[in-house]
């Protein structure tokens, strides 16, 4: 896997997100996190996904104890940036502004999020002057 290129299937992504939520854990802990997120997968499915993610370099495991202990080998922010870049390339011809406009037009934001957006826009405006 080249740096900055993170291709994941949807179930793999869900399992990786659950692992990020757990931090470090065995299959049962990741499964419980999946259940807490409303995703009802079988134990063996989570185990298979963790094995697959390890083979792809997204997850590392410690095999020294009775149960394998898994942890993410990639940073959530890196994966998120890569996935957003991919969406921008696929659907917006490489231009990020239309994606941002689409999100603002179609999604709901909290007052704190709107305030943060204003601050970011102000920073962009001041850096152009």
C-alpha atoms as a PDB file:
ATOM      1  CA  UNK A   1       0.000   0.000   0.000  1.00  0.00           C
ATOM      2  CA  UNK A   2       1.550   3.272  -1.043  1.00  0.00           C
ATOM      3  CA  UNK A   3       1.638   6.180   1.388  1.00  0.00           C
ATOM      4  CA  UNK A   4      -1.576   8.173   1.206  1.00  0.00           C
ATOM      5  CA  UNK A   5      -3.555   5.536  -0.684  1.00  0.00           C
ATOM      6  CA  UNK A   6      -6.167   3.870   1.497  1.00  0.00           C
ATOM      7  CA  UNK A   7      -8.596   1.622  -0.319  1.00  0.00           C
ATOM      8  CA  UNK A   8     -11.041  -0.147   1.961  1.00  0.00           C
ATOM      9  CA  UNK A   9     -14.258  -2.057   1.490  1.00  0.00           C
ATOM     10  CA  UNK A  10     -17.208  -0.711   3.457  1.00  0.00           C
ATOM     11  CA  UNK A  11     -17.128  -3.487   6.085  1.00  0.00           C
ATOM     12  CA  UNK A  12     -13.354  -3.182   6.409  1.00  0.00           C
ATOM     13  CA  UNK A  13     -13.781   0.536   7.008  1.00  0.00           C
ATOM     14  CA  UNK A  14     -16.437  -0.077   9.673  1.00  0.00           C
ATOM     15  CA  UNK A  15     -14.198  -2.580  11.479  1.00  0.00           C
ATOM     16  CA  UNK A  16     -11.248  -0.172  11.311  1.00  0.00           C
ATOM     17  CA  UNK A  17     -13.436   2.612  12.732  1.00  0.00           C
ATOM     18  CA  UNK A  18     -14.504   0.307  15.554  1.00  0.00           C
ATOM     19  CA  UNK A  19     -10.858  -0.532  16.235  1.00  0.00           C
ATOM     20  CA  UNK A  20     -10.029   3.184  16.378  1.00  0.00           C
ATOM     21  CA  UNK A  21     -12.853   3.478  18.913  1.00  0.00           C
ATOM     22  CA  UNK A  22     -11.439   0.656  21.023  1.00  0.00           C
ATOM     23  CA  UNK A  23      -7.789   1.690  20.653  1.00  0.00           C
ATOM     24  CA  UNK A  24      -6.341  -1.773  21.229  1.00  0.00           C
ATOM     25  CA  UNK A  25      -8.384  -4.888  21.596  1.00  0.00           C
ATOM     26  CA  UNK A  26      -9.185  -8.446  20.763  1.00  0.00           C
ATOM     27  CA  UNK A  27     -11.835  -9.601  18.310  1.00  0.00           C
ATOM     28  CA  UNK A  28     -14.542  -9.665  20.999  1.00  0.00           C
ATOM     29  CA  UNK A  29     -13.847  -6.055  22.010  1.00  0.00           C
ATOM     30  CA  UNK A  30     -13.979  -4.880  18.398  1.00  0.00           C
ATOM     31  CA  UNK A  31     -17.177  -6.883  17.887  1.00  0.00           C
ATOM     32  CA  UNK A  32     -18.730  -5.257  20.966  1.00  0.00           C
ATOM     33  CA  UNK A  33     -17.798  -1.831  19.606  1.00  0.00           C
ATOM     34  CA  UNK A  34     -19.420  -2.744  16.290  1.00  0.00           C
ATOM     35  CA  UNK A  35     -22.593  -3.753  18.140  1.00  0.00           C
ATOM     36  CA  UNK A  36     -22.523  -0.482  20.119  1.00  0.00           C
ATOM     37  CA  UNK A  37     -22.405   1.341  16.772  1.00  0.00           C
ATOM     38  CA  UNK A  38     -25.503  -0.541  15.614  1.00  0.00           C
ATOM     39  CA  UNK A  39     -23.687  -2.958  13.312  1.00  0.00           C
ATOM     40  CA  UNK A  40     -24.514  -6.598  14.001  1.00  0.00           C
ATOM     41  CA  UNK A  41     -21.723  -8.717  12.534  1.00  0.00           C
ATOM     42  CA  UNK A  42     -20.728 -12.255  13.430  1.00  0.00           C
ATOM     43  CA  UNK A  43     -17.579 -12.854  15.484  1.00  0.00           C
ATOM     44  CA  UNK A  44     -15.991 -14.730  12.574  1.00  0.00           C
ATOM     45  CA  UNK A  45     -16.722 -11.855  10.185  1.00  0.00           C
ATOM     46  CA  UNK A  46     -14.944  -9.363  12.444  1.00  0.00           C
ATOM     47  CA  UNK A  47     -12.061 -11.799  12.853  1.00  0.00           C
ATOM     48  CA  UNK A  48     -11.784 -12.218   9.074  1.00  0.00           C
ATOM     49  CA  UNK A  49     -11.930  -8.456   8.530  1.00  0.00           C
ATOM     50  CA  UNK A  50      -9.181  -7.845  11.104  1.00  0.00           C
ATOM     51  CA  UNK A  51      -7.015 -10.492   9.438  1.00  0.00           C
ATOM     52  CA  UNK A  52      -7.643  -8.941   6.037  1.00  0.00           C
ATOM     53  CA  UNK A  53      -6.891  -5.456   7.365  1.00  0.00           C
ATOM     54  CA  UNK A  54      -3.652  -6.759   8.854  1.00  0.00           C
ATOM     55  CA  UNK A  55      -2.658  -8.312   5.529  1.00  0.00           C
ATOM     56  CA  UNK A  56      -3.302  -4.958   3.836  1.00  0.00           C
ATOM     57  CA  UNK A  57      -1.193  -3.115   6.422  1.00  0.00           C
ATOM     58  CA  UNK A  58      -4.028  -1.205   8.122  1.00  0.00           C
ATOM     59  CA  UNK A  59      -3.867  -3.204  11.371  1.00  0.00           C
ATOM     60  CA  UNK A  60      -1.131  -4.756  13.472  1.00  0.00           C
ATOM     61  CA  UNK A  61      -1.566  -7.548  15.975  1.00  0.00           C
ATOM     62  CA  UNK A  62       0.260  -8.760  19.048  1.00  0.00           C
ATOM     63  CA  UNK A  63       0.208 -12.546  19.097  1.00  0.00           C
ATOM     64  CA  UNK A  64       2.178 -13.029  22.327  1.00  0.00           C
ATOM     65  CA  UNK A  65      -0.803 -13.744  24.597  1.00  0.00           C
ATOM     66  CA  UNK A  66      -3.754 -16.106  24.491  1.00  0.00           C
ATOM     67  CA  UNK A  67      -5.783 -13.837  22.197  1.00  0.00           C
ATOM     68  CA  UNK A  68      -4.582 -11.654  19.381  1.00  0.00           C
ATOM     69  CA  UNK A  69      -4.593  -7.977  20.369  1.00  0.00           C
ATOM     70  CA  UNK A  70      -5.178  -5.656  17.428  1.00  0.00           C
ATOM     71  CA  UNK A  71      -4.403  -1.989  16.959  1.00  0.00           C
ATOM     72  CA  UNK A  72      -4.711   0.317  13.977  1.00  0.00           C
ATOM     73  CA  UNK A  73      -1.480   0.759  12.035  1.00  0.00           C
ATOM     74  CA  UNK A  74      -2.802   3.828  10.209  1.00  0.00           C
ATOM     75  CA  UNK A  75      -3.937   7.160  11.536  1.00  0.00           C
ATOM     76  CA  UNK A  76      -7.633   8.036  11.267  1.00  0.00           C
ATOM     77  CA  UNK A  77      -6.805  11.519   9.924  1.00  0.00           C
ATOM     78  CA  UNK A  78      -4.575  10.132   7.147  1.00  0.00           C
ATOM     79  CA  UNK A  79      -7.263   7.713   6.009  1.00  0.00           C
ATOM     80  CA  UNK A  80      -9.912  10.427   6.155  1.00  0.00           C
ATOM     81  CA  UNK A  81      -7.793  12.820   4.045  1.00  0.00           C
ATOM     82  CA  UNK A  82      -7.155  10.077   1.507  1.00  0.00           C
ATOM     83  CA  UNK A  83     -10.839   9.137   1.269  1.00  0.00           C
ATOM     84  CA  UNK A  84     -11.924  12.781   0.913  1.00  0.00           C
ATOM     85  CA  UNK A  85      -9.296  13.318  -1.808  1.00  0.00           C
ATOM     86  CA  UNK A  86     -10.668  10.281  -3.602  1.00  0.00           C
ATOM     87  CA  UNK A  87     -14.245  11.634  -3.446  1.00  0.00           C
ATOM     88  CA  UNK A  88     -13.070  15.035  -4.699  1.00  0.00           C
ATOM     89  CA  UNK A  89     -11.287  13.383  -7.633  1.00  0.00           C
ATOM     90  CA  UNK A  90     -14.138  10.982  -8.470  1.00  0.00           C
ATOM     91  CA  UNK A  91     -17.122  13.291  -8.201  1.00  0.00           C
ATOM     92  CA  UNK A  92     -15.858  16.878  -8.340  1.00  0.00           C
ATOM     93  CA  UNK A  93     -13.078  16.762 -10.970  1.00  0.00           C
ATOM     94  CA  UNK A  94     -10.452  17.513  -8.351  1.00  0.00           C
ATOM     95  CA  UNK A  95     -12.077  20.722  -7.057  1.00  0.00           C
ATOM     96  CA  UNK A  96     -12.808  20.729  -3.314  1.00  0.00           C
ATOM     97  CA  UNK A  97     -15.069  23.810  -3.231  1.00  0.00           C
ATOM     98  CA  UNK A  98     -18.054  22.080  -4.890  1.00  0.00           C
ATOM     99  CA  UNK A  99     -17.847  19.315  -2.270  1.00  0.00           C
ATOM    100  CA  UNK A 100     -17.854  21.870   0.550  1.00  0.00           C
ATOM    101  CA  UNK A 101     -20.786  23.717  -1.022  1.00  0.00           C
ATOM    102  CA  UNK A 102     -22.684  20.443  -1.443  1.00  0.00           C
ATOM    103  CA  UNK A 103     -22.148  19.578   2.215  1.00  0.00           C
ATOM    104  CA  UNK A 104     -23.239  23.019   3.395  1.00  0.00           C
ATOM    105  CA  UNK A 105     -26.365  22.877   1.256  1.00  0.00           C
ATOM    106  CA  UNK A 106     -27.457  19.367   2.200  1.00  0.00           C
ATOM    107  CA  UNK A 107     -26.215  18.646   5.732  1.00  0.00           C
ATOM    108  CA  UNK A 108     -27.150  20.010   9.148  1.00  0.00           C
ATOM    109  CA  UNK A 109     -24.470  21.659  11.285  1.00  0.00           C
ATOM    110  CA  UNK A 110     -24.439  22.460  14.988  1.00  0.00           C
ATOM    111  CA  UNK A 111     -23.876  26.031  16.188  1.00  0.00           C
ATOM    112  CA  UNK A 112     -20.319  25.073  17.199  1.00  0.00           C
ATOM    113  CA  UNK A 113     -19.617  23.619  13.754  1.00  0.00           C
ATOM    114  CA  UNK A 114     -20.983  26.737  12.056  1.00  0.00           C
ATOM    115  CA  UNK A 115     -18.788  28.879  14.289  1.00  0.00           C
ATOM    116  CA  UNK A 116     -15.769  26.762  13.370  1.00  0.00           C
ATOM    117  CA  UNK A 117     -16.615  27.111   9.674  1.00  0.00           C
ATOM    118  CA  UNK A 118     -16.790  30.907  10.087  1.00  0.00           C
ATOM    119  CA  UNK A 119     -13.377  30.908  11.774  1.00  0.00           C
ATOM    120  CA  UNK A 120     -11.859  28.832   8.968  1.00  0.00           C
ATOM    121  CA  UNK A 121     -13.340  31.121   6.316  1.00  0.00           C
ATOM    122  CA  UNK A 122     -12.036  34.188   8.176  1.00  0.00           C
ATOM    123  CA  UNK A 123      -8.552  32.620   8.288  1.00  0.00           C
ATOM    124  CA  UNK A 124      -8.719  31.939   4.538  1.00  0.00           C
ATOM    125  CA  UNK A 125      -9.825  35.518   3.863  1.00  0.00           C
ATOM    126  CA  UNK A 126      -7.084  37.041   6.016  1.00  0.00           C
ATOM    127  CA  UNK A 127      -4.366  34.886   4.417  1.00  0.00           C
ATOM    128  CA  UNK A 128      -5.342  36.179   0.964  1.00  0.00           C
ATOM    129  CA  UNK A 129      -4.852  39.835   1.964  1.00  0.00           C
END
